[in-house]
Amino acid sequence: MEALLSKYFSFFNPSVTPEGFISVPQSLAAITLILILLCLCFRSNNIYLIDYVCYLPPDYLRLPHSHFMEHFELCTPDPESVEFEKRVLERSGIGVEACIPESVHELPPIGTMKHAHAEVELVLFTIVKDLLSKYNVHPKSIDILVSNCSLFCPTPSISSMIINEFGLRSNIKSVNLSGMGCSAGLLSISLAKDLLRVHKKSLALVLSMEAVAPNGYRGDNKSMLIANTLFRMGGAAILLSNRKQDKGIAKYKLEHLVRTHMGSNDKAYQSVYQESDENELVGVSLSRGLLTVAASALRTNITKLGPLVLPYTEQLRYGWSMICRKIWATENKEIYVPNFKKAFEHFCIHAGGKSVINAIEESLNLQKEDAEASRMALYRFGNTSSSSLWYELCYLEAKGRVKKGHRAWQIAFGSGFKCNSAVWKCLYDIDPNVRNAWSDRIHLYPVEIPVVDY
């Protein structure tokens, strides 16, 4: 027996005593190394989404179309610009329930630093409090905090505002993202995921919103006027975990997250651009080629995502169509569009505007009902920027459509130009009776959105 043990441990460390006895410290080191390697191989890297909360503005903040036009006429004396804004509003797909901050309801609207702070505090403080109280999570239990707000970047940062308000720990890993556009929501999830992979047994709080109050454009540049029509107030708070004990209460597990950045292309880089007009008035310009850029970014993104989620039959059909196109060397040969409904039960397309949703729906060969959540989120809440994807998932839950094993595909677009995808797998049947931002009037949806053409 002694000889056998000596040979066994000599495989890991050939240093054996002359008498044939094993060097005990060295053998223990070998065993320890094996155990460490086993732990590294079998440890869980799963990221769980425990829950999330979307901000529900009070009804008194809603902005009917007549009020919007009244405000715009008072701020912009140019009749041509007023008529243009009216046409954009009618074709935007946004209904009369979408809301703006109280300061923007003033005549004329107020967009000071003070009012921007008030908007951020109203939205984020409300949803953070609701989320933490829902699961009885003490603020000092939060290990990682990631916030994003593209156009409002105060000092101290928004993440510091949260830390101060809720008394988070002094050693918390906090990050505040700005200038990342509407895709910043999934960028924040990506950053939180990477941090959770490093810091084990941790909770991460992700906050997504855009400040509307300080970012209204008061000039007459048409490419900048569009943003005035589309953006409304909103926000989302998401609680992530890598702890095994949270699997039992978590709603979703993060399966894939794919990021695409098209910034090396000048056309893509300038498609969504904050700048000053000829009168030095600051606004966000949306180019005419935005939909083309978005479609190109999506194609690039799904070439990375497709092999991760699509069944082999769909991948083979797509590959064969590419080969045929190369063989016959013709640009007119159509490329097969994979059937993503074989990979996902639910689609959450960024509610950037009706034309964006329509374009992505057509590009992916989706049916009208597949983009219902996106259209309804746009209709009721407007373009809430980085948080829009969560209003859409919230809609699907309120409708009782999300079941155990279902996969939801979130598709985000943003300045830069960026396209990001996240795939979430549902871990249990979601109860539609649990209150969320849609519960008060989910029975009224879906609604028929009127089609306006000029």
Protein backbone atom coordinates (compact mmCIF):
# COMPACT_ATOMS: atom_id res chain seq x y z
CA MET A 1 0.00 0.00 0.00
CA GLU A 2 2.79 2.37 0.88
CA ALA A 3 4.45 1.77 -2.49
CA LEU A 4 1.19 2.42 -4.36
CA LEU A 5 0.64 5.69 -2.57
CA SER A 6 4.20 6.70 -3.30
CA LYS A 7 3.74 6.09 -7.03
CA TYR A 8 0.38 7.92 -7.06
CA PHE A 9 1.71 11.10 -5.50
CA SER A 10 4.94 10.96 -7.43
CA PHE A 11 2.84 11.64 -10.54
CA PHE A 12 2.15 15.12 -9.18
CA ASN A 13 5.49 15.59 -7.49
CA PRO A 14 8.31 13.14 -8.13
CA SER A 15 10.13 14.20 -4.99
CA VAL A 16 9.91 11.10 -2.76
CA THR A 17 12.08 10.46 0.27
CA PRO A 18 14.89 7.90 -0.05
CA GLU A 19 13.06 5.60 2.32
CA GLY A 20 10.10 5.53 -0.10
CA PHE A 21 7.84 7.70 2.05
CA ILE A 22 5.80 10.52 0.55
CA SER A 23 6.72 14.09 1.35
CA VAL A 24 3.56 15.13 3.21
CA PRO A 25 3.69 18.91 2.53
CA GLN A 26 4.19 18.33 -1.17
CA SER A 27 1.34 15.80 -1.42
CA LEU A 28 -0.99 18.17 0.40
CA ALA A 29 -0.05 20.90 -2.04
CA ALA A 30 -0.90 18.60 -4.94
CA ILE A 31 -4.28 17.72 -3.43
CA THR A 32 -5.00 21.39 -2.78
CA LEU A 33 -4.15 22.23 -6.38
CA ILE A 34 -6.50 19.52 -7.67
CA LEU A 35 -9.35 20.80 -5.48
CA ILE A 36 -8.81 24.38 -6.64
CA LEU A 37 -8.88 23.29 -10.28
CA LEU A 38 -12.06 21.31 -9.71
CA CYS A 39 -13.71 24.31 -8.04
CA LEU A 40 -12.72 26.52 -10.97
CA CYS A 41 -14.11 24.02 -13.47
CA PHE A 42 -17.46 23.49 -11.76
CA ARG A 43 -18.21 26.88 -10.23
CA SER A 44 -21.30 28.63 -11.54
CA ASN A 45 -20.97 31.69 -13.75
CA ASN A 46 -24.71 32.20 -14.06
CA ILE A 47 -26.12 35.71 -13.88
CA TYR A 48 -29.67 35.84 -12.52
CA LEU A 49 -32.20 38.63 -12.91
CA ILE A 50 -34.05 38.58 -9.62
CA ASP A 51 -36.57 41.24 -10.65
CA TYR A 52 -36.93 44.72 -12.09
CA VAL A 53 -39.24 47.73 -11.69
CA CYS A 54 -40.32 50.25 -14.33
CA TYR A 55 -41.30 53.78 -13.34
CA LEU A 56 -45.01 54.56 -13.68
CA PRO A 57 -45.53 58.33 -13.97
CA PRO A 58 -48.66 59.82 -12.37
CA ASP A 59 -51.49 60.64 -14.78
CA TYR A 60 -51.18 64.38 -14.23
CA LEU A 61 -47.85 64.30 -16.08
CA ARG A 62 -49.29 62.88 -19.29
CA LEU A 63 -48.89 64.93 -22.47
CA PRO A 64 -51.87 64.91 -24.86
CA HIS A 65 -51.03 65.88 -28.44
CA SER A 66 -52.93 69.15 -28.17
CA HIS A 67 -50.84 70.23 -25.18
CA PHE A 68 -47.64 69.26 -26.97
CA MET A 69 -48.51 71.40 -29.99
CA GLU A 70 -49.54 74.32 -27.77
CA HIS A 71 -46.16 74.20 -26.06
CA PHE A 72 -44.31 73.94 -29.32
CA GLU A 73 -46.16 76.83 -30.95
CA LEU A 74 -45.28 79.08 -28.01
CA CYS A 75 -41.59 78.08 -28.13
CA THR A 76 -41.14 78.10 -31.91
CA PRO A 77 -42.54 80.99 -33.97
CA ASP A 78 -41.65 79.35 -37.31
CA PRO A 79 -44.91 77.99 -38.88
CA GLU A 80 -43.02 75.51 -41.06
CA SER A 81 -41.33 73.97 -38.03
CA VAL A 82 -44.67 73.75 -36.21
CA GLU A 83 -46.27 71.95 -39.14
CA PHE A 84 -43.30 69.58 -39.39
CA GLU A 85 -43.47 68.75 -35.68
CA LYS A 86 -47.20 68.08 -35.99
CA ARG A 87 -46.65 65.59 -38.81
CA VAL A 88 -43.88 63.83 -36.88
CA LEU A 89 -46.08 63.58 -33.78
CA GLU A 90 -49.02 62.13 -35.71
CA ARG A 91 -46.80 59.48 -37.29
CA SER A 92 -44.71 58.75 -34.19
CA GLY A 93 -46.88 55.98 -32.76
CA ILE A 94 -46.98 57.74 -29.37
CA GLY A 95 -50.35 58.03 -27.63
CA VAL A 96 -51.82 60.55 -25.23
CA GLU A 97 -50.71 58.75 -22.04
CA ALA A 98 -46.96 59.27 -22.46
CA CYS A 99 -45.59 61.65 -19.82
CA ILE A 100 -43.07 64.44 -19.42
CA PRO A 101 -41.64 65.99 -16.21
CA GLU A 102 -43.61 68.66 -14.42
CA SER A 103 -41.10 71.38 -15.31
CA VAL A 104 -41.62 70.76 -19.04
CA HIS A 105 -45.37 71.31 -18.59
CA GLU A 106 -44.63 74.94 -17.69
CA LEU A 107 -45.18 77.64 -20.31
CA PRO A 108 -42.50 78.12 -21.46
CA PRO A 109 -40.86 74.83 -20.39
CA ILE A 110 -38.13 74.99 -17.75
CA GLY A 111 -34.96 72.99 -18.28
CA THR A 112 -32.60 74.08 -15.52
CA MET A 113 -30.08 71.92 -13.66
CA LYS A 114 -32.35 72.00 -10.63
CA HIS A 115 -35.28 70.56 -12.55
CA ALA A 116 -33.12 67.89 -14.17
CA HIS A 117 -32.00 66.81 -10.69
CA ALA A 118 -35.64 66.73 -9.58
CA GLU A 119 -36.59 64.47 -12.52
CA VAL A 120 -33.76 62.02 -11.85
CA GLU A 121 -34.59 61.87 -8.16
CA LEU A 122 -38.30 61.36 -8.81
CA VAL A 123 -37.75 58.49 -11.25
CA LEU A 124 -34.78 56.66 -9.76
CA PHE A 125 -35.49 57.11 -6.07
CA THR A 126 -39.02 55.79 -6.62
CA ILE A 127 -38.07 52.64 -8.54
CA VAL A 128 -35.06 51.80 -6.36
CA LYS A 129 -37.19 52.04 -3.24
CA ASP A 130 -39.91 49.88 -4.80
CA LEU A 131 -37.46 47.22 -5.99
CA LEU A 132 -35.51 46.91 -2.73
CA SER A 133 -38.64 46.88 -0.57
CA LYS A 134 -40.27 44.26 -2.81
CA TYR A 135 -37.58 41.71 -1.89
CA ASN A 136 -36.67 43.20 1.49
CA VAL A 137 -33.13 43.87 0.28
CA HIS A 138 -31.14 46.11 2.60
CA PRO A 139 -29.30 48.86 0.68
CA LYS A 140 -26.01 47.82 2.25
CA SER A 141 -26.41 44.39 0.65
CA ILE A 142 -25.81 45.91 -2.80
CA ASP A 143 -22.26 45.18 -3.95
CA ILE A 144 -22.32 46.72 -7.45
CA LEU A 145 -24.14 49.79 -8.77
CA VAL A 146 -24.30 50.74 -12.46
CA SER A 147 -26.37 53.72 -13.63
CA ASN A 148 -26.82 55.24 -17.05
CA CYS A 149 -28.27 58.52 -18.28
CA SER A 150 -26.94 59.65 -21.63
CA LEU A 151 -27.46 63.43 -21.78
CA PHE A 152 -27.54 64.47 -18.12
CA CYS A 153 -24.19 64.00 -16.40
CA PRO A 154 -24.06 65.97 -13.12
CA THR A 155 -21.31 66.15 -10.53
CA PRO A 156 -21.57 64.30 -8.18
CA SER A 157 -22.76 61.56 -10.54
CA ILE A 158 -26.18 59.92 -10.62
CA SER A 159 -24.73 56.79 -9.02
CA SER A 160 -23.44 59.00 -6.19
CA MET A 161 -26.95 60.44 -5.78
CA ILE A 162 -28.25 56.90 -5.24
CA ILE A 163 -25.48 56.04 -2.80
CA ASN A 164 -26.20 59.19 -0.81
CA GLU A 165 -29.96 58.74 -0.76
CA PHE A 166 -30.02 55.06 0.22
CA GLY A 167 -26.85 54.87 2.30
CA LEU A 168 -25.03 52.25 0.23
CA ARG A 169 -21.73 50.83 1.45
CA SER A 170 -18.49 52.79 1.18
CA ASN A 171 -16.76 49.92 -0.67
CA ILE A 172 -19.47 49.51 -3.32
CA LYS A 173 -18.28 49.16 -6.93
CA SER A 174 -20.16 52.01 -8.60
CA VAL A 175 -20.10 53.21 -12.21
CA ASN A 176 -22.04 55.96 -13.99
CA LEU A 177 -22.36 55.80 -17.80
CA SER A 178 -23.13 58.85 -19.93
CA GLY A 179 -23.20 59.63 -23.65
CA MET A 180 -24.01 56.01 -24.54
CA GLY A 181 -27.45 56.68 -26.05
CA CYS A 182 -30.53 54.45 -25.96
CA SER A 183 -28.43 51.27 -25.99
CA ALA A 184 -26.91 52.10 -22.60
CA GLY A 185 -29.40 49.85 -20.80
CA LEU A 186 -27.84 46.67 -22.16
CA LEU A 187 -24.35 48.18 -21.90
CA SER A 188 -25.02 48.56 -18.18
CA ILE A 189 -26.18 44.95 -17.98
CA SER A 190 -23.00 43.91 -19.80
CA LEU A 191 -20.80 45.85 -17.37
CA ALA A 192 -22.67 44.46 -14.36
CA LYS A 193 -22.31 40.94 -15.78
CA ASP A 194 -18.53 41.36 -16.11
CA LEU A 195 -18.26 42.70 -12.58
CA LEU A 196 -20.36 39.82 -11.23
CA ARG A 197 -18.09 37.34 -12.97
CA VAL A 198 -15.18 38.75 -10.97
CA HIS A 199 -16.88 39.45 -7.62
CA LYS A 200 -18.56 36.28 -6.40
CA LYS A 201 -21.67 36.09 -4.21
CA SER A 202 -22.68 39.64 -5.11
CA LEU A 203 -25.79 41.67 -5.85
CA ALA A 204 -25.80 44.27 -8.64
CA LEU A 205 -28.26 47.12 -9.06
CA VAL A 206 -28.60 48.55 -12.59
CA LEU A 207 -30.46 51.82 -13.24
CA SER A 208 -31.48 53.05 -16.69
CA MET A 209 -33.16 56.33 -17.64
CA GLU A 210 -32.90 59.50 -19.70
CA ALA A 211 -33.50 63.01 -18.36
CA VAL A 212 -36.07 64.83 -20.50
CA ALA A 213 -36.22 68.14 -18.61
CA PRO A 214 -32.89 69.69 -19.69
CA ASN A 215 -32.76 68.36 -23.24
CA GLY A 216 -35.54 70.03 -25.21
CA TYR A 217 -34.48 71.67 -28.49
CA ARG A 218 -35.91 75.15 -29.21
CA GLY A 219 -34.56 75.82 -32.68
CA ASP A 220 -35.91 75.10 -36.15
CA ASN A 221 -33.49 72.45 -37.42
CA LYS A 222 -35.79 69.62 -38.56
CA SER A 223 -33.33 66.81 -37.84
CA MET A 224 -33.17 68.02 -34.22
CA LEU A 225 -36.89 68.62 -33.80
CA ILE A 226 -37.69 64.92 -34.12
CA ALA A 227 -36.17 64.11 -30.72
CA ASN A 228 -38.55 66.59 -29.06
CA THR A 229 -41.47 64.50 -30.26
CA LEU A 230 -40.20 61.03 -29.41
CA PHE A 231 -38.67 61.16 -25.93
CA ARG A 232 -40.71 60.85 -22.73
CA MET A 233 -39.90 60.26 -19.06
CA GLY A 234 -39.33 56.80 -17.65
CA GLY A 235 -36.78 54.54 -16.04
CA ALA A 236 -36.03 51.00 -14.88
CA ALA A 237 -34.23 49.43 -11.92
CA ILE A 238 -32.87 45.89 -12.36
CA LEU A 239 -31.53 43.62 -9.62
CA LEU A 240 -28.94 41.05 -10.73
CA SER A 241 -27.20 38.32 -8.74
CA ASN A 242 -24.60 35.58 -9.16
CA ARG A 243 -25.51 33.86 -5.88
CA LYS A 244 -26.77 30.28 -6.11
CA GLN A 245 -29.36 30.87 -3.41
CA ASP A 246 -31.06 33.49 -5.59
CA LYS A 247 -31.81 31.04 -8.41
CA GLY A 248 -35.01 29.99 -6.65
CA ILE A 249 -36.45 33.52 -6.63
CA ALA A 250 -34.94 34.91 -9.84
CA LYS A 251 -37.21 35.54 -12.81
CA TYR A 252 -34.62 35.12 -15.57
CA LYS A 253 -31.14 33.87 -16.31
CA LEU A 254 -28.89 35.78 -18.69
CA GLU A 255 -27.91 33.43 -21.51
CA HIS A 256 -26.20 35.68 -24.06
CA LEU A 257 -25.21 39.31 -24.47
CA VAL A 258 -23.75 40.46 -27.80
CA ARG A 259 -22.52 44.02 -28.41
CA THR A 260 -21.89 45.66 -31.78
CA HIS A 261 -20.30 49.07 -32.36
CA MET A 262 -20.31 50.67 -35.82
CA GLY A 263 -18.47 53.84 -34.80
CA SER A 264 -15.62 53.32 -37.27
CA ASN A 265 -18.07 54.16 -40.05
CA ASP A 266 -18.62 57.93 -40.39
CA LYS A 267 -22.23 57.57 -41.54
CA ALA A 268 -23.07 55.41 -38.55
CA TYR A 269 -21.11 57.62 -36.15
CA GLN A 270 -23.02 60.76 -37.19
CA SER A 271 -26.48 59.18 -37.45
CA VAL A 272 -27.40 60.25 -33.89
CA TYR A 273 -25.35 63.30 -32.96
CA GLN A 274 -25.63 65.97 -30.28
CA GLU A 275 -24.48 69.34 -31.63
CA SER A 276 -25.28 73.04 -31.91
CA ASP A 277 -27.30 74.45 -34.79
CA GLU A 278 -26.45 77.66 -36.66
CA ASN A 279 -27.94 79.66 -33.75
CA GLU A 280 -25.85 77.79 -31.14
CA LEU A 281 -28.91 75.96 -29.81
CA VAL A 282 -28.02 72.44 -28.69
CA GLY A 283 -30.02 69.43 -29.85
CA VAL A 284 -29.73 65.80 -30.90
CA SER A 285 -29.72 65.38 -34.66
CA LEU A 286 -31.25 62.23 -36.19
CA SER A 287 -30.02 61.65 -39.75
CA ARG A 288 -32.12 60.46 -42.69
CA GLY A 289 -29.97 57.36 -42.96
CA LEU A 290 -30.65 56.24 -39.39
CA LEU A 291 -32.84 53.27 -40.36
CA THR A 292 -30.27 52.04 -42.87
CA VAL A 293 -27.54 52.29 -40.23
CA ALA A 294 -29.70 50.47 -37.68
CA ALA A 295 -30.42 47.65 -40.15
CA SER A 296 -26.72 47.27 -40.93
CA ALA A 297 -25.81 47.22 -37.23
CA LEU A 298 -28.49 44.60 -36.57
CA ARG A 299 -27.17 42.37 -39.37
CA THR A 300 -23.68 42.56 -37.91
CA ASN A 301 -25.00 41.82 -34.44
CA ILE A 302 -27.03 38.76 -35.43
CA THR A 303 -24.11 37.22 -37.29
CA LYS A 304 -22.55 36.86 -33.82
CA LEU A 305 -25.78 36.03 -31.98
CA GLY A 306 -27.24 33.64 -34.56
CA PRO A 307 -24.78 30.76 -34.06
CA LEU A 308 -25.38 30.96 -30.30
CA VAL A 309 -29.17 30.64 -30.42
CA LEU A 310 -30.41 29.32 -33.78
CA PRO A 311 -30.98 25.61 -34.45
CA TYR A 312 -28.54 24.03 -36.90
CA THR A 313 -31.19 23.77 -39.62
CA GLU A 314 -31.59 27.53 -39.71
CA GLN A 315 -27.84 28.09 -39.66
CA LEU A 316 -27.38 25.68 -42.58
CA ARG A 317 -30.07 27.36 -44.66
CA TYR A 318 -28.51 30.75 -44.07
CA GLY A 319 -25.03 29.42 -44.88
CA TRP A 320 -26.25 27.77 -48.07
CA SER A 321 -27.86 31.01 -49.26
CA MET A 322 -24.57 32.83 -48.67
CA ILE A 323 -22.65 30.18 -50.63
CA CYS A 324 -25.11 30.38 -53.53
CA ARG A 325 -24.76 34.14 -53.60
CA LYS A 326 -20.97 33.83 -53.76
CA ILE A 327 -21.09 31.16 -56.49
CA TRP A 328 -23.39 33.12 -58.77
CA ALA A 329 -21.71 36.41 -57.76
CA THR A 330 -24.87 38.46 -57.86
CA GLU A 331 -26.06 41.06 -55.40
CA ASN A 332 -29.67 40.38 -56.42
CA LYS A 333 -29.59 36.87 -54.96
CA GLU A 334 -31.63 37.06 -51.76
CA ILE A 335 -30.01 35.98 -48.51
CA TYR A 336 -32.14 33.65 -46.40
CA VAL A 337 -33.37 35.33 -43.24
CA PRO A 338 -33.27 32.81 -40.38
CA ASN A 339 -36.50 32.17 -38.52
CA PHE A 340 -35.67 33.62 -35.11
CA LYS A 341 -39.05 32.48 -33.77
CA LYS A 342 -37.46 29.04 -33.54
CA ALA A 343 -35.01 30.47 -31.01
CA PHE A 344 -37.17 33.00 -29.13
CA GLU A 345 -40.73 33.19 -27.86
CA HIS A 346 -40.61 36.94 -27.21
CA PHE A 347 -39.08 39.97 -28.92
CA CYS A 348 -38.37 43.32 -27.26
CA ILE A 349 -37.30 45.82 -29.93
CA HIS A 350 -36.14 49.22 -28.72
CA ALA A 351 -39.12 51.58 -28.91
CA GLY A 352 -37.18 54.30 -30.69
CA GLY A 353 -40.08 55.15 -32.97
CA LYS A 354 -42.73 53.48 -35.10
CA SER A 355 -40.50 53.47 -38.17
CA VAL A 356 -37.68 51.76 -36.23
CA ILE A 357 -40.00 49.00 -35.01
CA ASN A 358 -41.47 48.51 -38.48
CA ALA A 359 -38.02 48.29 -40.08
CA ILE A 360 -36.72 45.69 -37.62
CA GLU A 361 -39.94 43.70 -37.85
CA GLU A 362 -39.55 43.56 -41.63
CA SER A 363 -35.81 42.76 -41.48
CA LEU A 364 -36.41 39.77 -39.19
CA ASN A 365 -39.56 38.57 -40.99
CA LEU A 366 -41.58 38.92 -37.79
CA GLN A 367 -45.35 39.01 -37.51
CA LYS A 368 -47.26 41.99 -36.17
CA GLU A 369 -47.93 40.27 -32.84
CA ASP A 370 -44.20 39.68 -32.33
CA ALA A 371 -43.61 43.43 -32.10
CA GLU A 372 -46.79 44.15 -30.13
CA ALA A 373 -44.95 44.78 -26.86
CA SER A 374 -42.65 47.31 -28.54
CA ARG A 375 -45.51 49.20 -30.21
CA MET A 376 -47.59 49.30 -27.05
CA ALA A 377 -44.63 50.50 -24.94
CA LEU A 378 -44.03 53.27 -27.48
CA TYR A 379 -47.74 54.15 -27.56
CA ARG A 380 -48.23 54.36 -23.81
CA PHE A 381 -44.83 55.52 -22.51
CA GLY A 382 -43.11 56.97 -25.59
CA ASN A 383 -39.40 56.52 -26.27
CA THR A 384 -38.00 56.14 -22.76
CA SER A 385 -34.49 55.60 -24.15
CA SER A 386 -32.41 52.95 -22.38
CA SER A 387 -35.32 51.72 -20.25
CA SER A 388 -37.76 51.00 -23.10
CA LEU A 389 -36.80 47.30 -23.34
CA TRP A 390 -37.91 46.75 -19.75
CA TYR A 391 -41.33 48.35 -20.33
CA GLU A 392 -41.77 45.88 -23.20
CA LEU A 393 -40.84 42.84 -21.13
CA CYS A 394 -43.08 44.21 -18.40
CA TYR A 395 -45.96 44.31 -20.92
CA LEU A 396 -45.46 40.66 -21.86
CA GLU A 397 -45.47 39.66 -18.19
CA ALA A 398 -48.64 41.62 -17.49
CA LYS A 399 -50.31 39.82 -20.41
CA GLY A 400 -49.39 36.46 -18.86
CA ARG A 401 -47.39 35.37 -21.89
CA VAL A 402 -44.02 34.64 -20.26
CA LYS A 403 -43.68 31.01 -19.17
CA LYS A 404 -40.94 28.84 -17.75
CA GLY A 405 -38.30 28.06 -20.37
CA HIS A 406 -39.31 30.92 -22.68
CA ARG A 407 -36.53 33.04 -24.14
CA ALA A 408 -36.83 36.79 -24.65
CA TRP A 409 -34.61 38.69 -27.08
CA GLN A 410 -33.94 42.33 -26.22
CA ILE A 411 -32.61 44.44 -29.11
CA ALA A 412 -31.23 47.89 -28.27
CA PHE A 413 -30.01 50.64 -30.59
CA GLY A 414 -28.11 53.77 -29.66
CA SER A 415 -25.81 56.56 -30.75
CA GLY A 416 -22.31 55.63 -31.76
CA PHE A 417 -23.85 53.70 -33.59
CA LYS A 418 -24.50 50.64 -31.43
CA CYS A 419 -26.70 47.55 -31.57
CA ASN A 420 -26.79 45.31 -28.50
CA SER A 421 -28.65 42.07 -27.88
CA ALA A 422 -29.50 40.26 -24.65
CA VAL A 423 -31.14 36.87 -24.33
CA TRP A 424 -32.99 36.03 -21.11
CA LYS A 425 -34.37 32.62 -20.18
CA CYS A 426 -37.43 32.59 -17.93
CA LEU A 427 -37.02 30.39 -14.83
CA TYR A 428 -40.70 30.07 -13.84
CA ASP A 429 -44.17 30.99 -15.06
CA ILE A 430 -44.59 34.72 -14.48
CA ASP A 431 -47.80 35.53 -12.62
CA PRO A 432 -49.65 38.30 -14.52
CA ASN A 433 -51.48 39.31 -11.34
CA VAL A 434 -48.29 40.65 -9.72
CA ARG A 435 -48.50 44.42 -10.09
CA ASN A 436 -46.18 46.25 -12.43
CA ALA A 437 -46.19 49.42 -14.55
CA TRP A 438 -48.92 48.01 -16.83
CA SER A 439 -51.25 46.44 -14.28
CA ASP A 440 -53.59 49.43 -13.94
CA ARG A 441 -54.77 49.26 -17.57
CA ILE A 442 -53.32 46.19 -19.26
CA HIS A 443 -56.88 45.11 -20.14
CA LEU A 444 -57.08 48.09 -22.52
CA TYR A 445 -54.17 46.83 -24.62
CA PRO A 446 -53.30 46.20 -27.36
CA VAL A 447 -54.84 49.26 -29.01
CA GLU A 448 -55.10 49.95 -32.70
CA ILE A 449 -52.64 52.67 -33.63
CA PRO A 450 -53.96 54.86 -36.44
CA VAL A 451 -51.94 54.94 -39.65
CA VAL A 452 -51.17 58.46 -40.89
CA ASP A 453 -49.57 58.97 -44.29
CA TYR A 454 -48.66 62.17 -46.10
